[in-house]
């Protein structure tokens, strides 16, 4: 029996991590506040810290690397659902 390698998609998100966590907590099982598991997929959140050398920066843009891992079809569906959930028009 051939085991299919895990499919992986990485998104660099500018959404506040508390909103990302609330979303995944509502639709999946929370293993830790940074690791969630759904049916045939899992998500790992990696907060990206702002470089402390950027002392002249007056604005902070949150960044979280989101790793979607699992069966390809399931990962593609959850990535699409995530993007739709946080879709916004600038303004």
N, C-alpha and C. Protein backbone atom coordinates (compact mmCIF):
# COMPACT_ATOMS: atom_id res chain seq x y z
N UNK A 1 0.84 -1.18 0.00
CA UNK A 1 0.00 0.00 0.00
C UNK A 1 0.88 1.24 0.00
N UNK A 2 0.63 2.13 -0.95
CA UNK A 2 1.41 3.36 -1.06
C UNK A 2 0.81 4.43 -0.16
N UNK A 3 1.65 5.04 0.66
CA UNK A 3 1.22 6.11 1.55
C UNK A 3 1.47 7.44 0.84
N UNK A 4 0.39 8.21 0.68
CA UNK A 4 0.50 9.51 0.03
C UNK A 4 1.19 10.49 0.96
N UNK A 5 2.20 11.20 0.46
CA UNK A 5 2.87 12.20 1.32
C UNK A 5 1.89 13.32 1.66
N UNK A 6 2.13 13.92 2.79
CA UNK A 6 1.27 15.03 3.21
C UNK A 6 1.40 16.19 2.24
N UNK A 7 0.29 16.77 1.95
CA UNK A 7 0.22 17.97 1.12
C UNK A 7 0.29 19.16 2.06
N UNK A 8 0.99 20.21 1.65
CA UNK A 8 1.19 21.35 2.54
C UNK A 8 1.02 22.66 1.78
N UNK A 9 0.29 23.59 2.40
CA UNK A 9 0.15 24.95 1.88
C UNK A 9 0.52 25.89 3.01
N UNK A 10 1.31 26.91 2.71
CA UNK A 10 1.70 27.89 3.72
C UNK A 10 1.18 29.26 3.29
N UNK A 11 0.49 29.93 4.21
CA UNK A 11 -0.02 31.27 3.97
C UNK A 11 0.61 32.21 4.98
N UNK A 12 1.06 33.35 4.52
CA UNK A 12 1.58 34.40 5.40
C UNK A 12 0.43 35.38 5.61
N UNK A 13 -0.17 35.36 6.79
CA UNK A 13 -1.39 36.12 7.06
C UNK A 13 -1.12 37.39 7.86
N UNK A 14 -1.87 38.43 7.54
CA UNK A 14 -1.80 39.69 8.29
C UNK A 14 -2.99 39.87 9.22
N UNK A 15 -3.76 38.81 9.44
CA UNK A 15 -4.89 38.84 10.35
C UNK A 15 -4.38 38.66 11.78
N UNK A 16 -4.97 39.39 12.73
CA UNK A 16 -4.57 39.20 14.13
C UNK A 16 -4.73 37.74 14.53
N UNK A 17 -3.75 37.20 15.22
CA UNK A 17 -3.74 35.77 15.54
C UNK A 17 -4.95 35.36 16.39
N UNK A 18 -5.46 36.25 17.22
CA UNK A 18 -6.62 35.88 18.05
C UNK A 18 -7.84 35.57 17.18
N UNK A 19 -7.97 36.22 16.03
CA UNK A 19 -9.08 35.94 15.12
C UNK A 19 -8.86 34.61 14.38
N UNK A 20 -7.62 34.35 14.01
CA UNK A 20 -7.29 33.08 13.36
C UNK A 20 -7.54 31.93 14.33
N UNK A 21 -7.11 32.09 15.56
CA UNK A 21 -7.32 31.05 16.57
C UNK A 21 -8.81 30.81 16.82
N UNK A 22 -9.59 31.86 16.93
CA UNK A 22 -11.03 31.72 17.16
C UNK A 22 -11.69 30.98 16.00
N UNK A 23 -11.26 31.28 14.78
CA UNK A 23 -11.82 30.61 13.60
C UNK A 23 -11.54 29.11 13.65
N UNK A 24 -10.28 28.74 13.83
CA UNK A 24 -9.94 27.32 13.83
C UNK A 24 -10.49 26.59 15.05
N UNK A 25 -10.59 27.27 16.17
CA UNK A 25 -11.18 26.65 17.37
C UNK A 25 -12.65 26.31 17.13
N UNK A 26 -13.33 27.14 16.34
CA UNK A 26 -14.75 26.92 16.07
C UNK A 26 -15.01 25.78 15.08
N UNK A 27 -14.03 25.49 14.22
CA UNK A 27 -14.27 24.49 13.16
C UNK A 27 -13.46 23.21 13.31
N UNK A 28 -12.63 23.14 14.35
CA UNK A 28 -11.76 21.96 14.49
C UNK A 28 -11.47 21.69 15.96
N UNK A 29 -10.64 20.71 16.19
CA UNK A 29 -10.22 20.35 17.55
C UNK A 29 -8.92 21.07 17.86
N UNK A 30 -8.88 21.79 18.97
CA UNK A 30 -7.68 22.53 19.36
C UNK A 30 -6.74 21.61 20.13
N UNK A 31 -5.59 21.31 19.55
CA UNK A 31 -4.56 20.53 20.24
C UNK A 31 -3.78 21.43 21.18
N UNK A 32 -3.41 22.61 20.68
CA UNK A 32 -2.78 23.68 21.47
C UNK A 32 -3.30 24.98 20.85
N UNK A 33 -3.04 26.13 21.47
CA UNK A 33 -3.49 27.39 20.85
C UNK A 33 -2.84 27.69 19.49
N UNK A 34 -1.84 26.90 19.12
CA UNK A 34 -1.17 27.09 17.83
C UNK A 34 -1.28 25.87 16.92
N UNK A 35 -2.07 24.87 17.31
CA UNK A 35 -2.17 23.63 16.53
C UNK A 35 -3.61 23.12 16.58
N UNK A 36 -4.21 22.97 15.39
CA UNK A 36 -5.61 22.55 15.28
C UNK A 36 -5.71 21.37 14.33
N UNK A 37 -6.67 20.49 14.60
CA UNK A 37 -6.83 19.29 13.79
C UNK A 37 -8.27 19.16 13.33
N UNK A 38 -8.44 18.96 12.03
CA UNK A 38 -9.74 18.71 11.44
C UNK A 38 -9.75 17.33 10.82
N UNK A 39 -10.76 17.07 10.01
CA UNK A 39 -10.87 15.79 9.33
C UNK A 39 -9.91 15.76 8.14
N UNK A 40 -8.87 14.97 8.23
CA UNK A 40 -7.85 14.79 7.19
C UNK A 40 -7.00 16.03 6.95
N UNK A 41 -6.97 16.95 7.91
CA UNK A 41 -6.10 18.13 7.81
C UNK A 41 -5.75 18.62 9.20
N UNK A 42 -4.67 19.39 9.27
CA UNK A 42 -4.31 20.08 10.50
C UNK A 42 -3.67 21.41 10.15
N UNK A 43 -3.68 22.30 11.10
CA UNK A 43 -3.15 23.65 10.92
C UNK A 43 -2.19 23.95 12.06
N UNK A 44 -1.05 24.51 11.68
CA UNK A 44 -0.07 24.96 12.67
C UNK A 44 0.14 26.45 12.44
N UNK A 45 -0.02 27.24 13.50
CA UNK A 45 0.16 28.69 13.44
C UNK A 45 1.54 29.04 13.98
N UNK A 46 2.25 29.86 13.23
CA UNK A 46 3.57 30.30 13.67
C UNK A 46 3.59 31.83 13.67
N UNK A 47 3.44 32.44 14.87
CA UNK A 47 3.49 33.90 14.94
C UNK A 47 4.87 34.41 14.54
N UNK A 48 4.90 35.42 13.71
CA UNK A 48 6.15 36.01 13.26
C UNK A 48 6.36 37.30 14.03
N UNK A 49 7.41 37.36 14.81
CA UNK A 49 7.67 38.53 15.63
C UNK A 49 8.31 39.63 14.81
N UNK A 50 7.93 40.86 15.12
CA UNK A 50 8.51 42.01 14.44
C UNK A 50 9.95 42.17 14.90
N UNK A 51 10.84 42.47 13.96
CA UNK A 51 12.25 42.63 14.27
C UNK A 51 12.45 43.81 15.22
N UNK A 52 13.07 43.55 16.36
CA UNK A 52 13.29 44.61 17.35
C UNK A 52 14.27 45.67 16.85
N UNK A 53 14.97 45.40 15.77
CA UNK A 53 15.90 46.38 15.20
C UNK A 53 15.15 47.47 14.45
N UNK A 54 13.88 47.23 14.15
CA UNK A 54 13.06 48.21 13.43
C UNK A 54 12.48 49.22 14.41
N UNK A 55 13.34 49.95 15.10
CA UNK A 55 12.88 50.90 16.12
C UNK A 55 12.25 52.15 15.49
N UNK A 56 12.50 52.40 14.22
CA UNK A 56 11.94 53.57 13.56
C UNK A 56 10.55 53.28 12.99
N UNK A 57 10.07 52.07 13.17
CA UNK A 57 8.78 51.69 12.64
C UNK A 57 7.68 52.19 13.57
N UNK A 58 6.71 52.90 13.00
CA UNK A 58 5.63 53.43 13.82
C UNK A 58 4.35 52.61 13.70
N UNK A 59 4.38 51.61 12.85
CA UNK A 59 3.20 50.77 12.66
C UNK A 59 3.60 49.31 12.78
N UNK A 60 2.71 48.53 13.38
CA UNK A 60 2.95 47.10 13.51
C UNK A 60 1.91 46.36 12.69
N UNK A 61 2.35 45.52 11.80
CA UNK A 61 1.45 44.70 11.01
C UNK A 61 1.61 43.26 11.50
N UNK A 62 0.52 42.69 12.04
CA UNK A 62 0.64 41.30 12.54
C UNK A 62 0.93 40.34 11.40
N UNK A 63 1.74 39.34 11.68
CA UNK A 63 2.03 38.32 10.68
C UNK A 63 2.00 36.96 11.36
N UNK A 64 1.30 36.06 10.74
CA UNK A 64 1.26 34.69 11.22
C UNK A 64 1.44 33.77 10.01
N UNK A 65 2.38 32.88 10.11
CA UNK A 65 2.55 31.87 9.07
C UNK A 65 1.61 30.72 9.41
N UNK A 66 0.74 30.37 8.47
CA UNK A 66 -0.23 29.30 8.70
C UNK A 66 0.14 28.12 7.82
N UNK A 67 0.41 26.98 8.44
CA UNK A 67 0.76 25.76 7.73
C UNK A 67 -0.46 24.85 7.70
N UNK A 68 -0.99 24.61 6.52
CA UNK A 68 -2.10 23.68 6.32
C UNK A 68 -1.49 22.37 5.84
N UNK A 69 -1.73 21.28 6.54
CA UNK A 69 -1.10 20.00 6.23
C UNK A 69 -2.15 18.90 6.22
N UNK A 70 -2.04 17.98 5.27
CA UNK A 70 -2.96 16.85 5.26
C UNK A 70 -3.21 16.29 3.88
N UNK A 71 -4.37 15.67 3.71
CA UNK A 71 -4.78 15.10 2.44
C UNK A 71 -5.07 16.26 1.49
N UNK A 72 -4.59 16.18 0.25
CA UNK A 72 -4.62 17.31 -0.68
C UNK A 72 -6.01 17.93 -0.84
N UNK A 73 -7.02 17.14 -1.10
CA UNK A 73 -8.36 17.68 -1.32
C UNK A 73 -8.88 18.39 -0.07
N UNK A 74 -8.65 17.80 1.10
CA UNK A 74 -9.09 18.41 2.36
C UNK A 74 -8.35 19.72 2.64
N UNK A 75 -7.05 19.73 2.38
CA UNK A 75 -6.26 20.94 2.59
C UNK A 75 -6.73 22.05 1.65
N UNK A 76 -6.96 21.72 0.40
CA UNK A 76 -7.42 22.74 -0.55
C UNK A 76 -8.77 23.32 -0.14
N UNK A 77 -9.66 22.47 0.39
CA UNK A 77 -10.97 22.95 0.84
C UNK A 77 -10.84 23.88 2.05
N UNK A 78 -10.02 23.51 3.02
CA UNK A 78 -9.90 24.34 4.22
C UNK A 78 -9.15 25.64 3.92
N UNK A 79 -8.20 25.62 3.00
CA UNK A 79 -7.51 26.85 2.59
C UNK A 79 -8.52 27.79 1.93
N UNK A 80 -9.36 27.27 1.05
CA UNK A 80 -10.38 28.09 0.39
C UNK A 80 -11.35 28.67 1.41
N UNK A 81 -11.78 27.85 2.37
CA UNK A 81 -12.71 28.32 3.40
C UNK A 81 -12.05 29.41 4.26
N UNK A 82 -10.77 29.22 4.60
CA UNK A 82 -10.04 30.23 5.39
C UNK A 82 -9.98 31.55 4.63
N UNK A 83 -9.61 31.49 3.35
CA UNK A 83 -9.49 32.71 2.54
C UNK A 83 -10.84 33.42 2.42
N UNK A 84 -11.91 32.67 2.24
CA UNK A 84 -13.24 33.25 2.14
C UNK A 84 -13.64 33.91 3.47
N UNK A 85 -13.33 33.25 4.58
CA UNK A 85 -13.67 33.78 5.91
C UNK A 85 -13.03 35.14 6.17
N UNK A 86 -11.79 35.30 5.73
CA UNK A 86 -11.04 36.54 6.02
C UNK A 86 -10.89 37.44 4.81
N UNK A 87 -11.70 37.22 3.80
CA UNK A 87 -11.70 38.07 2.61
C UNK A 87 -12.17 39.46 2.99
N UNK A 88 -11.46 40.46 2.58
CA UNK A 88 -11.90 41.83 2.86
C UNK A 88 -11.48 42.73 1.70
N UNK A 89 -12.25 43.77 1.52
CA UNK A 89 -11.91 44.78 0.52
C UNK A 89 -11.26 45.93 1.27
N UNK A 90 -10.16 46.40 0.75
CA UNK A 90 -9.47 47.51 1.39
C UNK A 90 -10.36 48.75 1.45
N UNK A 91 -10.00 49.63 2.30
CA UNK A 91 -10.86 50.82 2.36
C UNK A 91 -10.34 51.85 3.28
